[in-house]
Structures are given as structure tokens and as C-alpha cells.
Amino acid sequence: MRCPFCGYEDTKVIDSRSVEGKKKRRRCCTVCGKRFTTFECVERPMLMVTKRDGSIEPFNRNKLMGGIYNSIKKRPVKNEQVNQLVDEIETELANEMVAEVSPDRIGSMVMERLIKIDPVAYVRFASVYLRFSDAADFVRVISEMQEKAENAENAVSEQDK
């Protein structure tokens, strides 16, 4: 690591610790003796979203959060839950080291997490994401949710036997 004061390339690490997912290192220059701090984190590829019309734009965390906030309006969902949901999606995509992702993939990732947080918010999000055109679409999604819940209950009762 190059010293920011004298430019010498040999510095010594005095202290190292993890802070907010990054490595914080306190360093000392072996020539001038001045101390400075560096932060080290994993470089992830810039995530791009390939839109339905074929255009490509950078992943926008705020845009995703805005869509989720629209679906949770006046619902008992905390900001921390939304932040955690978006963090999980970003982390999963970053761990896959993909450069491009479709909005369909992002939407399905949101939906699989949102249904566990709030079923009403799930239906609201689904209505926009799946482009509902009439009331039958709402009925279909709600019926699917009820079937999944019943299947889960049956599976639990089978295990208890």
C-alpha cells in the first residue's frame, strides 16, 4: 500500500478489523512514520438490468425499494424488513457474480421474500409485477397462496402423525 503522505510503497499494518462488511486497516509508513487508515472490500461487478424492451440500465436499489414501498403502504411492515429484503437480493445476485439480470428475476426474488413478510403486500406487488389486467388475476394469485398455505399445513400435520 502506498503512503498517501510520502508516496513510499512499503507500509506496515498496525491494526485490522471488520467494519460494516469491510476490512478496516490502520497502517504506518515505514519511511515517514505517518499513520493512515484504509478500507478493503470485495469488488463486485456492476449489476445491469436488461429491460423487457431490450435496453440495459444499471441496477437501482432505490427504484426497487420504491416498488416495494408502494406495495407495503399502510401495512405493518418495517423499514428494516424492506432494507433486509433488498440487501438479500443484492447479495444473492452479487454472489452469483452475474453482470446482467432480468427484471423478471428480480421481481420473482422480491415476491418469494415478500410473501413471507406480508401476504397483502405480496398481492399488491404481484399485481404490478405480473401486470394484472382484471379481477380474475387477483383471484388466481390469492387462490394459489391459499393452496400453498393448505399444502404446508397438511405437510406439518403429516409429520406430526
C-alpha atoms as a PDB file:
ATOM      1  CA  MET A   1       0.000   0.000   0.000  1.00  0.00           C
ATOM      2  CA  ARG A   2       1.415   3.362  -0.994  1.00  0.00           C
ATOM      3  CA  CYS A   3       1.766   6.024   1.711  1.00  0.00           C
ATOM      4  CA  PRO A   4      -0.524   8.980   0.910  1.00  0.00           C
ATOM      5  CA  PHE A   5       1.965  11.375   2.529  1.00  0.00           C
ATOM      6  CA  CYS A   6       5.381  10.499   1.093  1.00  0.00           C
ATOM      7  CA  GLY A   7       4.418   8.025  -1.664  1.00  0.00           C
ATOM      8  CA  TYR A   8       6.656   5.229  -0.407  1.00  0.00           C
ATOM      9  CA  GLU A   9       5.241   1.802  -1.297  1.00  0.00           C
ATOM     10  CA  ASP A  10       6.069  -0.129   1.864  1.00  0.00           C
ATOM     11  CA  THR A  11       3.641   0.344   4.751  1.00  0.00           C
ATOM     12  CA  LYS A  12       3.029  -1.748   7.818  1.00  0.00           C
ATOM     13  CA  VAL A  13      -0.395  -2.861   9.094  1.00  0.00           C
ATOM     14  CA  ILE A  14      -0.782  -1.902  12.758  1.00  0.00           C
ATOM     15  CA  ASP A  15      -4.394  -2.967  13.332  1.00  0.00           C
ATOM     16  CA  SER A  16      -7.028  -4.772  11.279  1.00  0.00           C
ATOM     17  CA  ARG A  17     -10.742  -5.265  11.987  1.00  0.00           C
ATOM     18  CA  SER A  18     -14.037  -5.820  10.188  1.00  0.00           C
ATOM     19  CA  VAL A  19     -16.378  -2.845   9.951  1.00  0.00           C
ATOM     20  CA  GLU A  20     -19.704  -2.970   8.051  1.00  0.00           C
ATOM     21  CA  GLY A  21     -18.593  -5.797   5.787  1.00  0.00           C
ATOM     22  CA  LYS A  22     -15.251  -4.172   5.023  1.00  0.00           C
ATOM     23  CA  LYS A  23     -11.753  -4.629   6.399  1.00  0.00           C
ATOM     24  CA  LYS A  24     -10.512  -1.533   8.181  1.00  0.00           C
ATOM     25  CA  ARG A  25      -6.740  -1.414   8.408  1.00  0.00           C
ATOM     26  CA  ARG A  26      -4.663   1.076  10.353  1.00  0.00           C
ATOM     27  CA  ARG A  27      -1.308   1.455   8.620  1.00  0.00           C
ATOM     28  CA  CYS A  28       2.004   3.127   9.306  1.00  0.00           C
ATOM     29  CA  CYS A  29       4.557   4.220   6.688  1.00  0.00           C
ATOM     30  CA  THR A  30       7.979   2.653   7.268  1.00  0.00           C
ATOM     31  CA  VAL A  31       9.764   5.777   5.906  1.00  0.00           C
ATOM     32  CA  CYS A  32       7.921   8.877   7.175  1.00  0.00           C
ATOM     33  CA  GLY A  33       6.202   7.175  10.136  1.00  0.00           C
ATOM     34  CA  LYS A  34       2.796   8.763   9.462  1.00  0.00           C
ATOM     35  CA  ARG A  35      -0.327   6.735  10.074  1.00  0.00           C
ATOM     36  CA  PHE A  36      -3.405   6.365   7.887  1.00  0.00           C
ATOM     37  CA  THR A  37      -6.486   4.172   7.549  1.00  0.00           C
ATOM     38  CA  THR A  38      -7.548   2.068   4.572  1.00  0.00           C
ATOM     39  CA  PHE A  39     -10.753   0.166   3.886  1.00  0.00           C
ATOM     40  CA  GLU A  40     -10.818  -3.028   1.883  1.00  0.00           C
ATOM     41  CA  CYS A  41     -13.899  -4.628   0.330  1.00  0.00           C
ATOM     42  CA  VAL A  42     -14.692  -7.168  -2.364  1.00  0.00           C
ATOM     43  CA  GLU A  43     -15.158  -5.625  -5.765  1.00  0.00           C
ATOM     44  CA  ARG A  44     -18.376  -6.769  -7.338  1.00  0.00           C
ATOM     45  CA  PRO A  45     -19.300  -6.387 -10.991  1.00  0.00           C
ATOM     46  CA  MET A  46     -21.692  -3.546 -11.749  1.00  0.00           C
ATOM     47  CA  LEU A  47     -25.105  -5.157 -11.957  1.00  0.00           C
ATOM     48  CA  MET A  48     -27.068  -4.242 -15.070  1.00  0.00           C
ATOM     49  CA  VAL A  49     -30.785  -4.845 -15.627  1.00  0.00           C
ATOM     50  CA  THR A  50     -31.859  -5.974 -19.108  1.00  0.00           C
ATOM     51  CA  LYS A  51     -35.302  -4.437 -19.563  1.00  0.00           C
ATOM     52  CA  ARG A  52     -38.162  -6.063 -21.476  1.00  0.00           C
ATOM     53  CA  ASP A  53     -37.636  -3.697 -24.416  1.00  0.00           C
ATOM     54  CA  GLY A  54     -34.010  -4.830 -24.714  1.00  0.00           C
ATOM     55  CA  SER A  55     -32.451  -1.720 -23.188  1.00  0.00           C
ATOM     56  CA  ILE A  56     -29.933  -2.054 -20.381  1.00  0.00           C
ATOM     57  CA  GLU A  57     -29.683   0.142 -17.301  1.00  0.00           C
ATOM     58  CA  PRO A  58     -27.735  -0.042 -14.023  1.00  0.00           C
ATOM     59  CA  PHE A  59     -29.443  -1.778 -11.120  1.00  0.00           C
ATOM     60  CA  ASN A  60     -31.101   0.893  -8.997  1.00  0.00           C
ATOM     61  CA  ARG A  61     -31.627  -0.088  -5.378  1.00  0.00           C
ATOM     62  CA  ASN A  62     -33.830   2.953  -4.748  1.00  0.00           C
ATOM     63  CA  LYS A  63     -36.124   2.065  -7.657  1.00  0.00           C
ATOM     64  CA  LEU A  64     -36.573  -1.457  -6.292  1.00  0.00           C
ATOM     65  CA  MET A  65     -37.227  -0.139  -2.794  1.00  0.00           C
ATOM     66  CA  GLY A  66     -39.771   2.333  -4.205  1.00  0.00           C
ATOM     67  CA  GLY A  67     -41.722  -0.503  -5.803  1.00  0.00           C
ATOM     68  CA  ILE A  68     -41.674  -2.472  -2.580  1.00  0.00           C
ATOM     69  CA  TYR A  69     -42.709   0.571  -0.531  1.00  0.00           C
ATOM     70  CA  ASN A  70     -45.686   1.075  -2.851  1.00  0.00           C
ATOM     71  CA  SER A  71     -46.822  -2.466  -2.093  1.00  0.00           C
ATOM     72  CA  ILE A  72     -46.445  -2.133   1.694  1.00  0.00           C
ATOM     73  CA  LYS A  73     -48.223   1.209   2.035  1.00  0.00           C
ATOM     74  CA  LYS A  74     -50.369   1.222   5.188  1.00  0.00           C
ATOM     75  CA  ARG A  75     -49.216  -2.299   6.051  1.00  0.00           C
ATOM     76  CA  PRO A  76     -47.434  -3.401   9.251  1.00  0.00           C
ATOM     77  CA  VAL A  77     -44.060  -3.844   7.541  1.00  0.00           C
ATOM     78  CA  LYS A  78     -40.972  -2.175   8.989  1.00  0.00           C
ATOM     79  CA  ASN A  79     -38.322  -0.299   7.009  1.00  0.00           C
ATOM     80  CA  GLU A  80     -35.709  -2.710   8.351  1.00  0.00           C
ATOM     81  CA  GLN A  81     -37.573  -5.604   6.744  1.00  0.00           C
ATOM     82  CA  VAL A  82     -37.557  -3.852   3.363  1.00  0.00           C
ATOM     83  CA  ASN A  83     -33.858  -2.993   3.678  1.00  0.00           C
ATOM     84  CA  GLN A  84     -33.059  -6.582   4.619  1.00  0.00           C
ATOM     85  CA  LEU A  85     -35.118  -7.907   1.694  1.00  0.00           C
ATOM     86  CA  VAL A  86     -33.274  -5.684  -0.806  1.00  0.00           C
ATOM     87  CA  ASP A  87     -29.905  -6.477   0.830  1.00  0.00           C
ATOM     88  CA  GLU A  88     -30.604 -10.202   0.449  1.00  0.00           C
ATOM     89  CA  ILE A  89     -31.433  -9.793  -3.236  1.00  0.00           C
ATOM     90  CA  GLU A  90     -28.354  -7.658  -3.915  1.00  0.00           C
ATOM     91  CA  THR A  91     -26.127 -10.099  -2.042  1.00  0.00           C
ATOM     92  CA  GLU A  92     -27.551 -13.139  -3.807  1.00  0.00           C
ATOM     93  CA  LEU A  93     -27.018 -11.554  -7.229  1.00  0.00           C
ATOM     94  CA  ALA A  94     -23.533 -10.328  -6.273  1.00  0.00           C
ATOM     95  CA  ASN A  95     -22.549 -13.787  -5.008  1.00  0.00           C
ATOM     96  CA  GLU A  96     -23.585 -15.238  -8.346  1.00  0.00           C
ATOM     97  CA  MET A  97     -21.223 -12.715  -9.962  1.00  0.00           C
ATOM     98  CA  VAL A  98     -23.712 -12.015 -12.750  1.00  0.00           C
ATOM     99  CA  ALA A  99     -23.290  -8.851 -14.794  1.00  0.00           C
ATOM    100  CA  GLU A 100     -26.837  -8.737 -16.174  1.00  0.00           C
ATOM    101  CA  VAL A 101     -30.166  -9.728 -14.699  1.00  0.00           C
ATOM    102  CA  SER A 102     -33.727  -9.544 -15.988  1.00  0.00           C
ATOM    103  CA  PRO A 103     -36.453  -7.599 -14.191  1.00  0.00           C
ATOM    104  CA  ASP A 104     -38.416 -10.864 -14.103  1.00  0.00           C
ATOM    105  CA  ARG A 105     -35.701 -12.478 -11.984  1.00  0.00           C
ATOM    106  CA  ILE A 106     -35.600  -9.511  -9.599  1.00  0.00           C
ATOM    107  CA  GLY A 107     -39.404  -9.469  -9.368  1.00  0.00           C
ATOM    108  CA  SER A 108     -39.629 -13.166  -8.581  1.00  0.00           C
ATOM    109  CA  MET A 109     -36.905 -12.793  -5.933  1.00  0.00           C
ATOM    110  CA  VAL A 110     -38.915  -9.976  -4.320  1.00  0.00           C
ATOM    111  CA  MET A 111     -42.130 -11.984  -4.440  1.00  0.00           C
ATOM    112  CA  GLU A 112     -40.667 -15.105  -2.813  1.00  0.00           C
ATOM    113  CA  ARG A 113     -39.453 -12.968   0.088  1.00  0.00           C
ATOM    114  CA  LEU A 114     -42.428 -10.599   0.295  1.00  0.00           C
ATOM    115  CA  ILE A 115     -44.987 -13.388   0.715  1.00  0.00           C
ATOM    116  CA  LYS A 116     -43.232 -14.380   3.946  1.00  0.00           C
ATOM    117  CA  ILE A 117     -43.374 -10.798   5.242  1.00  0.00           C
ATOM    118  CA  ASP A 118     -46.908  -9.717   4.299  1.00  0.00           C
ATOM    119  CA  PRO A 119     -49.399 -11.526   2.021  1.00  0.00           C
ATOM    120  CA  VAL A 120     -51.307  -8.344   1.155  1.00  0.00           C
ATOM    121  CA  ALA A 121     -48.112  -6.597   0.095  1.00  0.00           C
ATOM    122  CA  TYR A 122     -47.282  -9.701  -1.941  1.00  0.00           C
ATOM    123  CA  VAL A 123     -50.577  -9.435  -3.858  1.00  0.00           C
ATOM    124  CA  ARG A 124     -50.081  -5.701  -4.393  1.00  0.00           C
ATOM    125  CA  PHE A 125     -46.549  -6.233  -5.713  1.00  0.00           C
ATOM    126  CA  ALA A 126     -47.701  -9.139  -7.878  1.00  0.00           C
ATOM    127  CA  SER A 127     -50.452  -7.002  -9.417  1.00  0.00           C
ATOM    128  CA  VAL A 128     -47.853  -4.623 -10.837  1.00  0.00           C
ATOM    129  CA  TYR A 129     -45.056  -7.123 -11.491  1.00  0.00           C
ATOM    130  CA  LEU A 130     -47.328  -9.666 -13.214  1.00  0.00           C
ATOM    131  CA  ARG A 131     -49.352  -6.918 -14.912  1.00  0.00           C
ATOM    132  CA  PHE A 132     -52.794  -7.925 -13.699  1.00  0.00           C
ATOM    133  CA  SER A 133     -55.479  -6.988 -16.220  1.00  0.00           C
ATOM    134  CA  ASP A 134     -58.658  -7.854 -14.316  1.00  0.00           C
ATOM    135  CA  ALA A 135     -60.071  -9.167 -11.041  1.00  0.00           C
ATOM    136  CA  ALA A 136     -59.586 -12.776 -12.163  1.00  0.00           C
ATOM    137  CA  ASP A 137     -55.809 -12.288 -11.896  1.00  0.00           C
ATOM    138  CA  PHE A 138     -56.193 -11.275  -8.243  1.00  0.00           C
ATOM    139  CA  VAL A 139     -58.429 -14.278  -7.549  1.00  0.00           C
ATOM    140  CA  ARG A 140     -55.915 -16.630  -9.205  1.00  0.00           C
ATOM    141  CA  VAL A 141     -52.963 -15.364  -7.136  1.00  0.00           C
ATOM    142  CA  ILE A 142     -54.914 -15.431  -3.890  1.00  0.00           C
ATOM    143  CA  SER A 143     -56.125 -18.979  -4.651  1.00  0.00           C
ATOM    144  CA  GLU A 144     -52.527 -20.063  -5.290  1.00  0.00           C
ATOM    145  CA  MET A 145     -51.484 -18.544  -1.956  1.00  0.00           C
ATOM    146  CA  GLN A 146     -54.273 -20.393  -0.144  1.00  0.00           C
ATOM    147  CA  GLU A 147     -53.334 -23.709  -1.805  1.00  0.00           C
ATOM    148  CA  LYS A 148     -49.697 -23.283  -0.777  1.00  0.00           C
ATOM    149  CA  ALA A 149     -50.736 -22.493   2.797  1.00  0.00           C
ATOM    150  CA  GLU A 150     -53.024 -25.542   2.921  1.00  0.00           C
ATOM    151  CA  ASN A 151     -50.308 -27.792   1.478  1.00  0.00           C
ATOM    152  CA  ALA A 152     -47.852 -26.504   4.082  1.00  0.00           C
ATOM    153  CA  GLU A 153     -50.374 -27.171   6.867  1.00  0.00           C
ATOM    154  CA  ASN A 154     -51.036 -30.688   5.540  1.00  0.00           C
ATOM    155  CA  ALA A 155     -47.311 -31.400   5.378  1.00  0.00           C
ATOM    156  CA  VAL A 156     -46.896 -30.303   9.006  1.00  0.00           C
ATOM    157  CA  SER A 157     -49.846 -32.412  10.175  1.00  0.00           C
ATOM    158  CA  GLU A 158     -48.469 -35.444   8.278  1.00  0.00           C
ATOM    159  CA  GLN A 159     -45.147 -35.052  10.096  1.00  0.00           C
ATOM    160  CA  ASP A 160     -46.914 -34.910  13.460  1.00  0.00           C
ATOM    161  CA  LYS A 161     -48.556 -38.318  12.867  1.00  0.00           C
END
